Amino acid sequence: MDDLYREIIIEHYKNPGFRGELDPNDYTYEDENPVCGDHIRVDIRVNDSGIVTEAKYSGHGCAISQASADLLMEAIIGKKVEDVKKLTKQDVLDLLGIELGAVRLKCALLPLKVVKAGVYGVGKESELSDLD
């Protein structure tokens, strides 16, 4: 069974369906894993009901980080932002379908970290600036 999941990871790495950038976007964030050099940027668009309508990622890194990003973008489209905020480490591991060691786990979870930081508004100016 692991071989099947490894093939899925390689397929998403070599032929990503959600690679790119969205401009304009409603949420964006980027971060990196300095230990291994993986870098992920995520752009998300939502509709007036708070549902993710488009999600793209860009960046570089190992097959695990890039496949994880592609699988995660696919998984969040159609979800409410509030549900995206509730995604867990286990959700990402379920998407990948294989056991990972500590080093590879950081690679796999970087896209989740970036998505969550984006939808929580980490690094963005306070919404209060719109009141001026």
N, C-alpha and C. Protein backbone atom coordinates (compact mmCIF):
# COMPACT_ATOMS: atom_id res chain seq x y z
N MET A 1 0.81 -1.20 0.00
CA MET A 1 0.00 0.00 0.00
C MET A 1 0.86 1.27 0.00
N ASP A 2 2.00 1.23 0.73
CA ASP A 2 2.88 2.39 0.75
C ASP A 2 3.36 2.76 -0.64
N ASP A 3 3.57 1.75 -1.51
CA ASP A 3 4.02 2.03 -2.87
C ASP A 3 3.00 2.86 -3.63
N LEU A 4 1.72 2.58 -3.44
CA LEU A 4 0.66 3.35 -4.07
C LEU A 4 0.73 4.80 -3.63
N TYR A 5 0.88 5.03 -2.33
CA TYR A 5 0.94 6.39 -1.82
C TYR A 5 2.22 7.09 -2.28
N ARG A 6 3.31 6.36 -2.35
CA ARG A 6 4.54 6.96 -2.87
C ARG A 6 4.34 7.40 -4.32
N GLU A 7 3.63 6.61 -5.11
CA GLU A 7 3.33 6.99 -6.49
C GLU A 7 2.47 8.25 -6.54
N ILE A 8 1.52 8.36 -5.63
CA ILE A 8 0.67 9.56 -5.57
C ILE A 8 1.51 10.78 -5.25
N ILE A 9 2.44 10.63 -4.31
CA ILE A 9 3.32 11.75 -3.94
C ILE A 9 4.16 12.17 -5.14
N ILE A 10 4.77 11.22 -5.81
CA ILE A 10 5.60 11.53 -6.98
C ILE A 10 4.76 12.19 -8.07
N GLU A 11 3.55 11.69 -8.28
CA GLU A 11 2.67 12.27 -9.30
C GLU A 11 2.33 13.73 -8.99
N HIS A 12 1.99 14.03 -7.73
CA HIS A 12 1.67 15.41 -7.34
C HIS A 12 2.90 16.31 -7.39
N TYR A 13 4.07 15.72 -7.15
CA TYR A 13 5.32 16.48 -7.22
C TYR A 13 5.66 16.81 -8.68
N LYS A 14 5.55 15.82 -9.56
CA LYS A 14 5.93 16.03 -10.95
C LYS A 14 4.86 16.75 -11.77
N ASN A 15 3.60 16.55 -11.43
CA ASN A 15 2.48 17.13 -12.19
C ASN A 15 1.48 17.81 -11.26
N PRO A 16 1.91 18.88 -10.60
CA PRO A 16 1.01 19.54 -9.65
C PRO A 16 -0.18 20.20 -10.35
N GLY A 17 -1.33 20.07 -9.72
CA GLY A 17 -2.53 20.68 -10.27
C GLY A 17 -2.84 22.05 -9.71
N PHE A 18 -2.14 22.43 -8.64
CA PHE A 18 -2.48 23.67 -7.96
C PHE A 18 -1.27 24.59 -7.78
N ARG A 19 -0.28 24.42 -8.63
CA ARG A 19 0.91 25.27 -8.58
C ARG A 19 0.60 26.58 -9.30
N GLY A 20 1.03 27.68 -8.70
CA GLY A 20 0.83 28.99 -9.30
C GLY A 20 0.60 30.03 -8.22
N GLU A 21 0.19 31.20 -8.63
CA GLU A 21 -0.12 32.29 -7.70
C GLU A 21 -1.45 32.90 -8.08
N LEU A 22 -2.13 33.44 -7.10
CA LEU A 22 -3.40 34.12 -7.31
C LEU A 22 -3.23 35.60 -6.95
N ASP A 23 -3.49 36.46 -7.91
CA ASP A 23 -3.42 37.89 -7.66
C ASP A 23 -4.57 38.54 -8.39
N PRO A 24 -5.55 39.05 -7.69
CA PRO A 24 -5.59 39.26 -6.24
C PRO A 24 -5.92 37.96 -5.49
N ASN A 25 -5.70 38.04 -4.19
CA ASN A 25 -6.05 36.92 -3.32
C ASN A 25 -6.65 37.48 -2.03
N ASP A 26 -7.32 36.63 -1.30
CA ASP A 26 -7.88 37.05 -0.02
C ASP A 26 -6.95 36.72 1.13
N TYR A 27 -6.19 35.66 0.96
CA TYR A 27 -5.21 35.24 1.98
C TYR A 27 -3.94 34.83 1.27
N THR A 28 -2.82 35.23 1.82
CA THR A 28 -1.53 34.80 1.30
C THR A 28 -0.54 34.75 2.45
N TYR A 29 0.39 33.83 2.34
CA TYR A 29 1.44 33.74 3.34
C TYR A 29 2.54 32.86 2.76
N GLU A 30 3.75 33.08 3.21
CA GLU A 30 4.84 32.21 2.79
C GLU A 30 5.81 32.01 3.95
N ASP A 31 6.45 30.87 3.93
CA ASP A 31 7.40 30.53 4.98
C ASP A 31 8.34 29.46 4.43
N GLU A 32 9.35 29.18 5.21
CA GLU A 32 10.31 28.17 4.78
C GLU A 32 10.78 27.34 5.96
N ASN A 33 11.32 26.21 5.62
CA ASN A 33 11.97 25.35 6.60
C ASN A 33 13.47 25.55 6.39
N PRO A 34 14.12 26.36 7.23
CA PRO A 34 15.52 26.68 6.99
C PRO A 34 16.46 25.48 7.09
N VAL A 35 16.04 24.44 7.77
CA VAL A 35 16.90 23.26 7.92
C VAL A 35 17.09 22.56 6.58
N CYS A 36 16.01 22.42 5.81
CA CYS A 36 16.12 21.68 4.55
C CYS A 36 15.98 22.57 3.31
N GLY A 37 15.55 23.81 3.48
CA GLY A 37 15.44 24.72 2.35
C GLY A 37 14.09 24.73 1.65
N ASP A 38 13.10 23.97 2.14
CA ASP A 38 11.77 24.01 1.54
C ASP A 38 11.18 25.41 1.72
N HIS A 39 10.50 25.89 0.69
CA HIS A 39 9.86 27.21 0.74
C HIS A 39 8.48 27.08 0.09
N ILE A 40 7.46 27.56 0.79
CA ILE A 40 6.09 27.47 0.28
C ILE A 40 5.40 28.82 0.43
N ARG A 41 4.71 29.23 -0.63
CA ARG A 41 3.81 30.39 -0.60
C ARG A 41 2.44 29.85 -0.98
N VAL A 42 1.43 30.32 -0.28
CA VAL A 42 0.06 29.91 -0.55
C VAL A 42 -0.79 31.16 -0.79
N ASP A 43 -1.62 31.12 -1.82
CA ASP A 43 -2.59 32.17 -2.11
C ASP A 43 -3.98 31.53 -2.14
N ILE A 44 -4.93 32.17 -1.46
CA ILE A 44 -6.28 31.61 -1.35
C ILE A 44 -7.30 32.69 -1.67
N ARG A 45 -8.32 32.31 -2.43
CA ARG A 45 -9.47 33.18 -2.69
C ARG A 45 -10.70 32.55 -2.07
N VAL A 46 -11.56 33.39 -1.50
CA VAL A 46 -12.80 32.90 -0.91
C VAL A 46 -13.96 33.71 -1.48
N ASN A 47 -15.15 33.13 -1.41
CA ASN A 47 -16.33 33.86 -1.86
C ASN A 47 -16.97 34.60 -0.69
N ASP A 48 -18.09 35.24 -0.93
CA ASP A 48 -18.75 36.03 0.10
C ASP A 48 -19.27 35.18 1.26
N SER A 49 -19.40 33.88 1.04
CA SER A 49 -19.84 32.98 2.10
C SER A 49 -18.68 32.41 2.91
N GLY A 50 -17.45 32.84 2.60
CA GLY A 50 -16.29 32.36 3.33
C GLY A 50 -15.83 30.97 2.91
N ILE A 51 -16.17 30.58 1.69
CA ILE A 51 -15.78 29.27 1.17
C ILE A 51 -14.60 29.45 0.21
N VAL A 52 -13.59 28.62 0.35
CA VAL A 52 -12.42 28.68 -0.51
C VAL A 52 -12.84 28.28 -1.93
N THR A 53 -12.62 29.19 -2.87
CA THR A 53 -12.97 28.92 -4.27
C THR A 53 -11.74 28.59 -5.11
N GLU A 54 -10.58 29.12 -4.72
CA GLU A 54 -9.34 28.82 -5.42
C GLU A 54 -8.20 28.80 -4.42
N ALA A 55 -7.22 27.96 -4.67
CA ALA A 55 -6.03 27.88 -3.82
C ALA A 55 -4.86 27.46 -4.69
N LYS A 56 -3.77 28.17 -4.57
CA LYS A 56 -2.55 27.87 -5.32
C LYS A 56 -1.35 27.96 -4.39
N TYR A 57 -0.29 27.26 -4.75
CA TYR A 57 0.95 27.35 -4.00
C TYR A 57 2.10 27.53 -4.97
N SER A 58 3.16 28.10 -4.47
CA SER A 58 4.39 28.20 -5.23
C SER A 58 5.54 27.98 -4.26
N GLY A 59 6.71 27.81 -4.80
CA GLY A 59 7.87 27.58 -3.97
C GLY A 59 8.70 26.44 -4.49
N HIS A 60 9.59 25.97 -3.63
CA HIS A 60 10.48 24.89 -4.03
C HIS A 60 10.79 24.03 -2.81
N GLY A 61 11.24 22.84 -3.09
CA GLY A 61 11.60 21.94 -2.00
C GLY A 61 11.51 20.50 -2.44
N CYS A 62 11.55 19.64 -1.45
CA CYS A 62 11.54 18.20 -1.71
C CYS A 62 10.17 17.73 -2.19
N ALA A 63 10.14 16.50 -2.66
CA ALA A 63 8.90 15.92 -3.18
C ALA A 63 7.81 15.90 -2.11
N ILE A 64 8.16 15.64 -0.87
CA ILE A 64 7.15 15.57 0.20
C ILE A 64 6.51 16.94 0.42
N SER A 65 7.30 18.00 0.53
CA SER A 65 6.72 19.33 0.79
C SER A 65 5.86 19.80 -0.37
N GLN A 66 6.32 19.57 -1.59
CA GLN A 66 5.58 20.03 -2.76
C GLN A 66 4.32 19.21 -2.99
N ALA A 67 4.40 17.91 -2.82
CA ALA A 67 3.20 17.06 -2.96
C ALA A 67 2.20 17.37 -1.86
N SER A 68 2.69 17.60 -0.66
CA SER A 68 1.82 17.94 0.46
C SER A 68 1.08 19.24 0.17
N ALA A 69 1.78 20.23 -0.38
CA ALA A 69 1.15 21.50 -0.73
C ALA A 69 0.08 21.30 -1.79
N ASP A 70 0.38 20.51 -2.81
CA ASP A 70 -0.58 20.29 -3.89
C ASP A 70 -1.82 19.56 -3.37
N LEU A 71 -1.60 18.52 -2.58
CA LEU A 71 -2.73 17.77 -2.01
C LEU A 71 -3.57 18.64 -1.07
N LEU A 72 -2.90 19.49 -0.31
CA LEU A 72 -3.61 20.36 0.63
C LEU A 72 -4.45 21.41 -0.10
N MET A 73 -3.91 21.98 -1.19
CA MET A 73 -4.69 22.95 -1.96
C MET A 73 -5.96 22.29 -2.49
N GLU A 74 -5.81 21.09 -3.01
CA GLU A 74 -6.96 20.34 -3.52
C GLU A 74 -7.98 20.10 -2.41
N ALA A 75 -7.50 19.80 -1.22
CA ALA A 75 -8.38 19.46 -0.10
C ALA A 75 -9.14 20.66 0.45
N ILE A 76 -8.55 21.86 0.38
CA ILE A 76 -9.23 23.01 1.01
C ILE A 76 -10.25 23.69 0.10
N ILE A 77 -10.14 23.47 -1.21
CA ILE A 77 -11.10 24.08 -2.13
C ILE A 77 -12.49 23.52 -1.83
N GLY A 78 -13.44 24.42 -1.62
CA GLY A 78 -14.81 24.03 -1.29
C GLY A 78 -15.09 24.02 0.21
N LYS A 79 -14.05 24.21 1.02
CA LYS A 79 -14.24 24.24 2.48
C LYS A 79 -14.42 25.68 2.96
N LYS A 80 -15.14 25.83 4.05
CA LYS A 80 -15.24 27.13 4.70
C LYS A 80 -13.91 27.46 5.36
N VAL A 81 -13.56 28.72 5.40
CA VAL A 81 -12.31 29.15 6.03
C VAL A 81 -12.26 28.65 7.47
N GLU A 82 -13.37 28.67 8.16
CA GLU A 82 -13.40 28.19 9.55
C GLU A 82 -13.01 26.71 9.63
N ASP A 83 -13.39 25.92 8.62
CA ASP A 83 -13.01 24.51 8.60
C ASP A 83 -11.53 24.33 8.23
N VAL A 84 -11.02 25.21 7.38
CA VAL A 84 -9.60 25.18 7.03
C VAL A 84 -8.77 25.44 8.29
N LYS A 85 -9.22 26.34 9.12
CA LYS A 85 -8.52 26.65 10.37
C LYS A 85 -8.44 25.44 11.30
N LYS A 86 -9.35 24.50 11.15
CA LYS A 86 -9.40 23.33 12.02
C LYS A 86 -8.59 22.15 11.50
N LEU A 87 -7.98 22.28 10.32
CA LEU A 87 -7.19 21.17 9.78
C LEU A 87 -6.03 20.85 10.72
N THR A 88 -5.69 19.58 10.77
CA THR A 88 -4.66 19.12 11.71
C THR A 88 -3.52 18.42 10.97
N LYS A 89 -2.50 18.16 11.74
CA LYS A 89 -1.36 17.38 11.27
C LYS A 89 -1.85 16.04 10.71
N GLN A 90 -2.78 15.42 11.41
CA GLN A 90 -3.27 14.11 10.97
C GLN A 90 -3.99 14.21 9.63
N ASP A 91 -4.68 15.31 9.37
CA ASP A 91 -5.34 15.49 8.08
C ASP A 91 -4.31 15.46 6.94
N VAL A 92 -3.19 16.13 7.15
CA VAL A 92 -2.13 16.15 6.13
C VAL A 92 -1.52 14.76 5.97
N LEU A 93 -1.26 14.10 7.09
CA LEU A 93 -0.69 12.75 7.01
C LEU A 93 -1.64 11.79 6.31
N ASP A 94 -2.94 11.96 6.54
CA ASP A 94 -3.92 11.12 5.84
C ASP A 94 -3.90 11.37 4.33
N LEU A 95 -3.70 12.63 3.93
CA LEU A 95 -3.61 12.95 2.51
C LEU A 95 -2.39 12.27 1.88
N LEU A 96 -1.27 12.27 2.61
CA LEU A 96 -0.04 11.67 2.09
C LEU A 96 -0.07 10.15 2.14
N GLY A 97 -0.67 9.60 3.20
CA GLY A 97 -0.88 8.17 3.30
C GLY A 97 0.32 7.31 3.64
N ILE A 98 1.43 7.92 4.08
CA ILE A 98 2.60 7.13 4.46
C ILE A 98 3.15 7.61 5.80
N GLU A 99 3.87 6.74 6.45
CA GLU A 99 4.55 7.09 7.70
C GLU A 99 5.76 7.97 7.36
N LEU A 100 5.98 8.98 8.18
CA LEU A 100 7.12 9.86 7.96
C LEU A 100 7.95 9.99 9.22
N GLY A 101 9.25 10.06 9.05
CA GLY A 101 10.15 10.32 10.17
C GLY A 101 10.09 11.81 10.53
N ALA A 102 10.77 12.17 11.60
CA ALA A 102 10.72 13.54 12.13
C ALA A 102 11.15 14.59 11.11
N VAL A 103 12.20 14.31 10.36
CA VAL A 103 12.69 15.30 9.40
C VAL A 103 11.68 15.48 8.26
N ARG A 104 11.18 14.41 7.72
CA ARG A 104 10.21 14.48 6.63
C ARG A 104 8.86 15.04 7.10
N LEU A 105 8.54 14.84 8.36
CA LEU A 105 7.30 15.36 8.91
C LEU A 105 7.28 16.88 8.81
N LYS A 106 8.41 17.52 9.10
CA LYS A 106 8.49 18.99 8.99
C LYS A 106 8.25 19.43 7.55
N CYS A 107 8.76 18.66 6.60
CA CYS A 107 8.56 18.96 5.18
C CYS A 107 7.07 18.87 4.84
N ALA A 108 6.43 17.82 5.30
CA ALA A 108 5.02 17.57 4.98
C ALA A 108 4.11 18.60 5.61
N LEU A 109 4.48 19.11 6.78
CA LEU A 109 3.59 20.01 7.53
C LEU A 109 3.81 21.49 7.21
N LEU A 110 4.89 21.83 6.50
CA LEU A 110 5.11 23.23 6.14
C LEU A 110 3.92 23.84 5.40
N PRO A 111 3.34 23.17 4.40
CA PRO A 111 2.18 23.76 3.73
C PRO A 111 1.00 24.02 4.67
N LEU A 112 0.77 23.13 5.63
CA LEU A 112 -0.31 23.35 6.60
C LEU A 112 -0.01 24.57 7.45
N LYS A 113 1.21 24.70 7.89
CA LYS A 113 1.62 25.86 8.68
C LYS A 113 1.37 27.15 7.90
N VAL A 114 1.73 27.15 6.62
CA VAL A 114 1.57 28.33 5.78
C VAL A 114 0.09 28.64 5.54
N VAL A 115 -0.71 27.62 5.26
CA VAL A 115 -2.16 27.83 5.05
C VAL A 115 -2.79 28.42 6.31
N LYS A 116 -2.49 27.83 7.45
CA LYS A 116 -3.09 28.32 8.69
C LYS A 116 -2.65 29.75 9.01
N ALA A 117 -1.38 30.05 8.84
CA ALA A 117 -0.89 31.41 9.08
C ALA A 117 -1.61 32.39 8.16
N GLY A 118 -1.83 31.98 6.91
CA GLY A 118 -2.54 32.84 5.96
C GLY A 118 -3.97 33.11 6.37
N VAL A 119 -4.73 32.07 6.69
CA VAL A 119 -6.15 32.28 7.01
C VAL A 119 -6.35 32.92 8.38
N TYR A 120 -5.36 32.79 9.26
CA TYR A 120 -5.43 33.49 10.54
C TYR A 120 -4.93 34.92 10.44
N GLY A 121 -4.36 35.29 9.28
CA GLY A 121 -3.93 36.66 9.07
C GLY A 121 -2.60 37.01 9.71
N VAL A 122 -1.77 36.03 9.96
CA VAL A 122 -0.46 36.29 10.54
C VAL A 122 0.33 37.17 9.58
N GLY A 123 0.92 38.22 10.10
CA GLY A 123 1.75 39.08 9.28
C GLY A 123 1.00 40.14 8.51
N LYS A 124 -0.32 40.13 8.55
CA LYS A 124 -1.08 41.17 7.86
C LYS A 124 -1.33 42.33 8.80
N GLU A 125 -1.54 43.49 8.21
CA GLU A 125 -1.87 44.66 9.03
C GLU A 125 -3.22 44.43 9.70
N SER A 126 -3.38 45.05 10.82
CA SER A 126 -4.63 44.93 11.57
C SER A 126 -5.81 45.41 10.73
N GLU A 127 -6.92 44.74 10.89
CA GLU A 127 -8.15 45.14 10.21
C GLU A 127 -8.58 46.53 10.66
N LEU A 128 -8.11 46.96 11.81
CA LEU A 128 -8.49 48.28 12.32
C LEU A 128 -8.00 49.39 11.42
N SER A 129 -6.97 49.16 10.61
CA SER A 129 -6.47 50.21 9.73
C SER A 129 -7.52 50.60 8.69
N ASP A 130 -8.50 49.73 8.44
CA ASP A 130 -9.56 50.05 7.49
C ASP A 130 -10.54 51.07 8.06
N LEU A 131 -10.49 51.31 9.36
CA LEU A 131 -11.44 52.23 9.99
C LEU A 131 -11.01 53.69 9.89
N ASP A 132 -9.80 53.95 9.43
CA ASP A 132 -9.31 55.34 9.36
C ASP A 132 -10.08 56.16 8.36
